[in-house]
Amino acid sequence: MTNSMYEACIQACLKCAVACDTCAASCLREDDVKMMARCIQTDMDCADTCRTAAALMARDSEFAKAFCKVCAQVCRACGEECKKHEADHCQRCAEACMACADECERMAA
């Protein structure tokens, strides 16, 4: 697969990583940080996973498709966690995670 065939998924992964970083940072500023611990953890896991998936696709790694399958699972888990919280940053993150999961599932197919 050429890099251009990965472009939509790469962009979704990078957008999701930024949304997750933003969400985690915003959660750390919440009054009850302990309540947001699971959200912060999944945000960090998802951001790292998305960045790695984007890098693998960018260099047309033989592992890109397999990693995209894992990335989709992590994104869905993060999206589900973020949806539980009313904060705007959590809702935006959930949307980015679900969109990225969809792109990664298409890529992994």
N, C-alpha and C. Protein backbone atom coordinates (compact mmCIF):
# COMPACT_ATOMS: atom_id res chain seq x y z
N MET A 1 0.84 -1.18 0.00
CA MET A 1 0.00 0.00 0.00
C MET A 1 0.89 1.24 0.00
N THR A 2 0.52 2.23 -0.74
CA THR A 2 1.32 3.45 -0.76
C THR A 2 0.89 4.37 0.36
N ASN A 3 1.77 5.30 0.68
CA ASN A 3 1.50 6.25 1.76
C ASN A 3 0.21 7.01 1.53
N SER A 4 -0.10 7.36 0.28
CA SER A 4 -1.32 8.12 -0.01
C SER A 4 -2.57 7.32 0.32
N MET A 5 -2.48 6.00 0.25
CA MET A 5 -3.63 5.16 0.60
C MET A 5 -3.88 5.17 2.10
N TYR A 6 -2.87 5.50 2.86
CA TYR A 6 -2.98 5.57 4.31
C TYR A 6 -3.41 6.96 4.80
N GLU A 7 -3.42 7.95 3.93
CA GLU A 7 -3.53 9.35 4.35
C GLU A 7 -4.71 9.63 5.27
N ALA A 8 -5.90 9.15 4.94
CA ALA A 8 -7.08 9.43 5.78
C ALA A 8 -6.90 8.84 7.18
N CYS A 9 -6.34 7.65 7.24
CA CYS A 9 -6.14 7.00 8.53
C CYS A 9 -5.03 7.70 9.33
N ILE A 10 -3.97 8.09 8.65
CA ILE A 10 -2.89 8.82 9.33
C ILE A 10 -3.45 10.11 9.92
N GLN A 11 -4.22 10.85 9.15
CA GLN A 11 -4.79 12.11 9.64
C GLN A 11 -5.74 11.88 10.81
N ALA A 12 -6.56 10.82 10.74
CA ALA A 12 -7.47 10.50 11.84
C ALA A 12 -6.69 10.15 13.10
N CYS A 13 -5.60 9.40 12.93
CA CYS A 13 -4.77 9.02 14.08
C CYS A 13 -4.11 10.25 14.72
N LEU A 14 -3.59 11.14 13.90
CA LEU A 14 -2.94 12.33 14.44
C LEU A 14 -3.94 13.25 15.12
N LYS A 15 -5.12 13.40 14.53
CA LYS A 15 -6.18 14.22 15.14
C LYS A 15 -6.60 13.61 16.48
N CYS A 16 -6.73 12.30 16.52
CA CYS A 16 -7.12 11.62 17.74
C CYS A 16 -6.05 11.77 18.82
N ALA A 17 -4.79 11.65 18.44
CA ALA A 17 -3.70 11.79 19.42
C ALA A 17 -3.73 13.17 20.07
N VAL A 18 -3.95 14.20 19.26
CA VAL A 18 -4.01 15.56 19.80
C VAL A 18 -5.24 15.71 20.71
N ALA A 19 -6.37 15.16 20.29
CA ALA A 19 -7.59 15.24 21.11
C ALA A 19 -7.37 14.53 22.45
N CYS A 20 -6.71 13.39 22.42
CA CYS A 20 -6.43 12.64 23.65
C CYS A 20 -5.45 13.38 24.56
N ASP A 21 -4.41 13.97 23.98
CA ASP A 21 -3.47 14.76 24.78
C ASP A 21 -4.18 15.94 25.43
N THR A 22 -5.03 16.61 24.66
CA THR A 22 -5.78 17.76 25.17
C THR A 22 -6.73 17.34 26.28
N CYS A 23 -7.41 16.22 26.07
CA CYS A 23 -8.35 15.72 27.06
C CYS A 23 -7.62 15.35 28.36
N ALA A 24 -6.52 14.64 28.25
CA ALA A 24 -5.76 14.25 29.44
C ALA A 24 -5.28 15.47 30.21
N ALA A 25 -4.74 16.45 29.49
CA ALA A 25 -4.26 17.67 30.14
C ALA A 25 -5.41 18.42 30.81
N SER A 26 -6.55 18.46 30.15
CA SER A 26 -7.72 19.14 30.73
C SER A 26 -8.24 18.38 31.94
N CYS A 27 -8.25 17.06 31.88
CA CYS A 27 -8.69 16.25 33.02
C CYS A 27 -7.79 16.48 34.24
N LEU A 28 -6.51 16.68 34.00
CA LEU A 28 -5.58 16.93 35.10
C LEU A 28 -5.86 18.25 35.81
N ARG A 29 -6.57 19.14 35.14
CA ARG A 29 -6.93 20.43 35.75
C ARG A 29 -8.30 20.40 36.42
N GLU A 30 -8.99 19.27 36.35
CA GLU A 30 -10.30 19.13 37.00
C GLU A 30 -10.13 19.14 38.52
N ASP A 31 -11.18 19.55 39.22
CA ASP A 31 -11.14 19.59 40.68
C ASP A 31 -10.95 18.19 41.27
N ASP A 32 -11.63 17.20 40.70
CA ASP A 32 -11.53 15.83 41.20
C ASP A 32 -10.74 14.99 40.20
N VAL A 33 -9.42 15.16 40.24
CA VAL A 33 -8.54 14.45 39.31
C VAL A 33 -8.66 12.94 39.48
N LYS A 34 -8.82 12.50 40.72
CA LYS A 34 -8.90 11.07 40.99
C LYS A 34 -10.06 10.43 40.24
N MET A 35 -11.17 11.15 40.14
CA MET A 35 -12.33 10.65 39.42
C MET A 35 -12.03 10.50 37.92
N MET A 36 -11.08 11.27 37.43
CA MET A 36 -10.74 11.28 36.00
C MET A 36 -9.57 10.36 35.67
N ALA A 37 -9.08 9.61 36.65
CA ALA A 37 -7.87 8.79 36.46
C ALA A 37 -7.99 7.82 35.29
N ARG A 38 -9.09 7.12 35.18
CA ARG A 38 -9.26 6.15 34.09
C ARG A 38 -9.29 6.87 32.74
N CYS A 39 -9.94 8.01 32.69
CA CYS A 39 -10.00 8.79 31.45
C CYS A 39 -8.60 9.24 31.05
N ILE A 40 -7.84 9.74 31.99
CA ILE A 40 -6.48 10.20 31.72
C ILE A 40 -5.62 9.05 31.22
N GLN A 41 -5.72 7.90 31.87
CA GLN A 41 -4.92 6.73 31.47
C GLN A 41 -5.26 6.28 30.06
N THR A 42 -6.56 6.18 29.76
CA THR A 42 -6.93 5.73 28.41
C THR A 42 -6.56 6.78 27.37
N ASP A 43 -6.66 8.06 27.74
CA ASP A 43 -6.23 9.12 26.82
C ASP A 43 -4.75 8.96 26.46
N MET A 44 -3.92 8.74 27.46
CA MET A 44 -2.48 8.62 27.21
C MET A 44 -2.17 7.37 26.39
N ASP A 45 -2.83 6.26 26.72
CA ASP A 45 -2.63 5.03 25.95
C ASP A 45 -3.05 5.23 24.50
N CYS A 46 -4.18 5.87 24.31
CA CYS A 46 -4.71 6.07 22.97
C CYS A 46 -3.82 7.02 22.16
N ALA A 47 -3.39 8.10 22.77
CA ALA A 47 -2.53 9.06 22.07
C ALA A 47 -1.25 8.38 21.59
N ASP A 48 -0.62 7.61 22.46
CA ASP A 48 0.62 6.91 22.08
C ASP A 48 0.36 5.88 20.99
N THR A 49 -0.73 5.15 21.11
CA THR A 49 -1.07 4.13 20.12
C THR A 49 -1.33 4.78 18.76
N CYS A 50 -2.07 5.88 18.76
CA CYS A 50 -2.38 6.58 17.50
C CYS A 50 -1.12 7.12 16.83
N ARG A 51 -0.22 7.70 17.63
CA ARG A 51 1.03 8.22 17.05
C ARG A 51 1.86 7.09 16.43
N THR A 52 1.90 5.96 17.11
CA THR A 52 2.66 4.82 16.58
C THR A 52 2.01 4.29 15.31
N ALA A 53 0.70 4.19 15.30
CA ALA A 53 0.00 3.72 14.09
C ALA A 53 0.29 4.66 12.92
N ALA A 54 0.23 5.96 13.16
CA ALA A 54 0.50 6.93 12.10
C ALA A 54 1.93 6.78 11.57
N ALA A 55 2.87 6.58 12.47
CA ALA A 55 4.27 6.42 12.06
C ALA A 55 4.46 5.15 11.23
N LEU A 56 3.83 4.06 11.64
CA LEU A 56 3.95 2.81 10.89
C LEU A 56 3.35 2.94 9.50
N MET A 57 2.21 3.61 9.41
CA MET A 57 1.60 3.82 8.09
C MET A 57 2.45 4.74 7.23
N ALA A 58 3.00 5.78 7.84
CA ALA A 58 3.80 6.75 7.08
C ALA A 58 5.00 6.10 6.42
N ARG A 59 5.55 5.09 7.07
CA ARG A 59 6.72 4.42 6.48
C ARG A 59 6.34 3.10 5.81
N ASP A 60 5.03 2.89 5.63
CA ASP A 60 4.52 1.70 4.94
C ASP A 60 5.06 0.42 5.56
N SER A 61 5.03 0.37 6.88
CA SER A 61 5.51 -0.80 7.61
C SER A 61 4.65 -2.02 7.31
N GLU A 62 5.28 -3.17 7.30
CA GLU A 62 4.54 -4.41 7.12
C GLU A 62 3.60 -4.69 8.30
N PHE A 63 3.81 -4.00 9.41
CA PHE A 63 3.00 -4.19 10.61
C PHE A 63 1.87 -3.17 10.73
N ALA A 64 1.76 -2.26 9.79
CA ALA A 64 0.77 -1.18 9.88
C ALA A 64 -0.66 -1.70 10.01
N LYS A 65 -1.04 -2.62 9.16
CA LYS A 65 -2.42 -3.13 9.21
C LYS A 65 -2.73 -3.80 10.54
N ALA A 66 -1.83 -4.65 11.00
CA ALA A 66 -2.05 -5.35 12.26
C ALA A 66 -2.12 -4.35 13.41
N PHE A 67 -1.26 -3.34 13.37
CA PHE A 67 -1.26 -2.35 14.45
C PHE A 67 -2.52 -1.50 14.39
N CYS A 68 -3.03 -1.23 13.20
CA CYS A 68 -4.27 -0.46 13.07
C CYS A 68 -5.44 -1.18 13.74
N LYS A 69 -5.42 -2.50 13.70
CA LYS A 69 -6.47 -3.28 14.36
C LYS A 69 -6.42 -3.04 15.87
N VAL A 70 -5.23 -3.06 16.43
CA VAL A 70 -5.04 -2.78 17.86
C VAL A 70 -5.44 -1.33 18.15
N CYS A 71 -5.01 -0.42 17.29
CA CYS A 71 -5.32 0.99 17.49
C CYS A 71 -6.83 1.22 17.53
N ALA A 72 -7.56 0.54 16.68
CA ALA A 72 -9.02 0.67 16.68
C ALA A 72 -9.61 0.23 18.02
N GLN A 73 -9.08 -0.84 18.58
CA GLN A 73 -9.57 -1.33 19.88
C GLN A 73 -9.29 -0.32 20.98
N VAL A 74 -8.09 0.24 20.98
CA VAL A 74 -7.71 1.23 21.99
C VAL A 74 -8.56 2.49 21.84
N CYS A 75 -8.76 2.92 20.60
CA CYS A 75 -9.58 4.11 20.35
C CYS A 75 -11.02 3.91 20.82
N ARG A 76 -11.58 2.75 20.56
CA ARG A 76 -12.96 2.48 21.01
C ARG A 76 -13.04 2.50 22.54
N ALA A 77 -12.07 1.88 23.19
CA ALA A 77 -12.07 1.86 24.66
C ALA A 77 -11.95 3.28 25.21
N CYS A 78 -11.09 4.08 24.62
CA CYS A 78 -10.91 5.46 25.07
C CYS A 78 -12.18 6.27 24.80
N GLY A 79 -12.75 6.09 23.63
CA GLY A 79 -13.98 6.80 23.29
C GLY A 79 -15.11 6.47 24.25
N GLU A 80 -15.24 5.20 24.60
CA GLU A 80 -16.29 4.79 25.55
C GLU A 80 -16.05 5.41 26.92
N GLU A 81 -14.80 5.45 27.35
CA GLU A 81 -14.49 6.06 28.65
C GLU A 81 -14.79 7.56 28.62
N CYS A 82 -14.36 8.23 27.58
CA CYS A 82 -14.56 9.68 27.51
C CYS A 82 -16.04 10.05 27.41
N LYS A 83 -16.83 9.20 26.76
CA LYS A 83 -18.27 9.48 26.63
C LYS A 83 -18.97 9.52 27.98
N LYS A 84 -18.39 8.90 28.99
CA LYS A 84 -18.99 8.87 30.33
C LYS A 84 -18.95 10.23 31.01
N HIS A 85 -18.10 11.12 30.54
CA HIS A 85 -17.89 12.40 31.20
C HIS A 85 -18.52 13.53 30.39
N GLU A 86 -19.10 14.49 31.09
CA GLU A 86 -19.83 15.57 30.44
C GLU A 86 -18.95 16.68 29.87
N ALA A 87 -17.72 16.76 30.32
CA ALA A 87 -16.84 17.86 29.91
C ALA A 87 -16.71 17.90 28.39
N ASP A 88 -16.68 19.11 27.84
CA ASP A 88 -16.56 19.28 26.39
C ASP A 88 -15.33 18.57 25.83
N HIS A 89 -14.20 18.70 26.54
CA HIS A 89 -12.98 18.06 26.04
C HIS A 89 -13.12 16.55 25.98
N CYS A 90 -13.85 15.97 26.90
CA CYS A 90 -14.08 14.52 26.88
C CYS A 90 -14.99 14.14 25.72
N GLN A 91 -16.01 14.93 25.48
CA GLN A 91 -16.93 14.64 24.37
C GLN A 91 -16.23 14.78 23.02
N ARG A 92 -15.41 15.82 22.88
CA ARG A 92 -14.64 15.99 21.63
C ARG A 92 -13.66 14.84 21.43
N CYS A 93 -13.05 14.42 22.51
CA CYS A 93 -12.10 13.30 22.44
C CYS A 93 -12.82 12.02 22.04
N ALA A 94 -13.98 11.78 22.63
CA ALA A 94 -14.76 10.58 22.29
C ALA A 94 -15.08 10.55 20.80
N GLU A 95 -15.47 11.69 20.24
CA GLU A 95 -15.78 11.77 18.81
C GLU A 95 -14.55 11.45 17.96
N ALA A 96 -13.41 12.04 18.32
CA ALA A 96 -12.17 11.80 17.57
C ALA A 96 -11.75 10.33 17.68
N CYS A 97 -11.93 9.75 18.85
CA CYS A 97 -11.57 8.34 19.05
C CYS A 97 -12.42 7.42 18.19
N MET A 98 -13.71 7.66 18.16
CA MET A 98 -14.60 6.80 17.38
C MET A 98 -14.34 6.95 15.88
N ALA A 99 -14.07 8.17 15.44
CA ALA A 99 -13.75 8.39 14.03
C ALA A 99 -12.45 7.69 13.66
N CYS A 100 -11.47 7.76 14.54
CA CYS A 100 -10.19 7.09 14.30
C CYS A 100 -10.37 5.58 14.30
N ALA A 101 -11.16 5.07 15.22
CA ALA A 101 -11.42 3.62 15.25
C ALA A 101 -12.02 3.16 13.93
N ASP A 102 -12.96 3.93 13.41
CA ASP A 102 -13.58 3.58 12.12
C ASP A 102 -12.54 3.53 11.00
N GLU A 103 -11.68 4.56 10.95
CA GLU A 103 -10.63 4.60 9.91
C GLU A 103 -9.65 3.44 10.07
N CYS A 104 -9.26 3.17 11.30
CA CYS A 104 -8.30 2.08 11.54
C CYS A 104 -8.91 0.72 11.20
N GLU A 105 -10.19 0.54 11.48
CA GLU A 105 -10.84 -0.72 11.13
C GLU A 105 -10.89 -0.90 9.62
N ARG A 106 -11.14 0.19 8.89
CA ARG A 106 -11.12 0.12 7.43
C ARG A 106 -9.72 -0.24 6.94
N MET A 107 -8.72 0.36 7.56
CA MET A 107 -7.34 0.12 7.15
C MET A 107 -6.94 -1.33 7.43
N ALA A 108 -7.39 -1.86 8.55
CA ALA A 108 -6.99 -3.21 8.96
C ALA A 108 -7.72 -4.30 8.18
N ALA A 109 -8.80 -3.94 7.52
CA ALA A 109 -9.62 -4.94 6.79
C ALA A 109 -8.87 -5.52 5.60
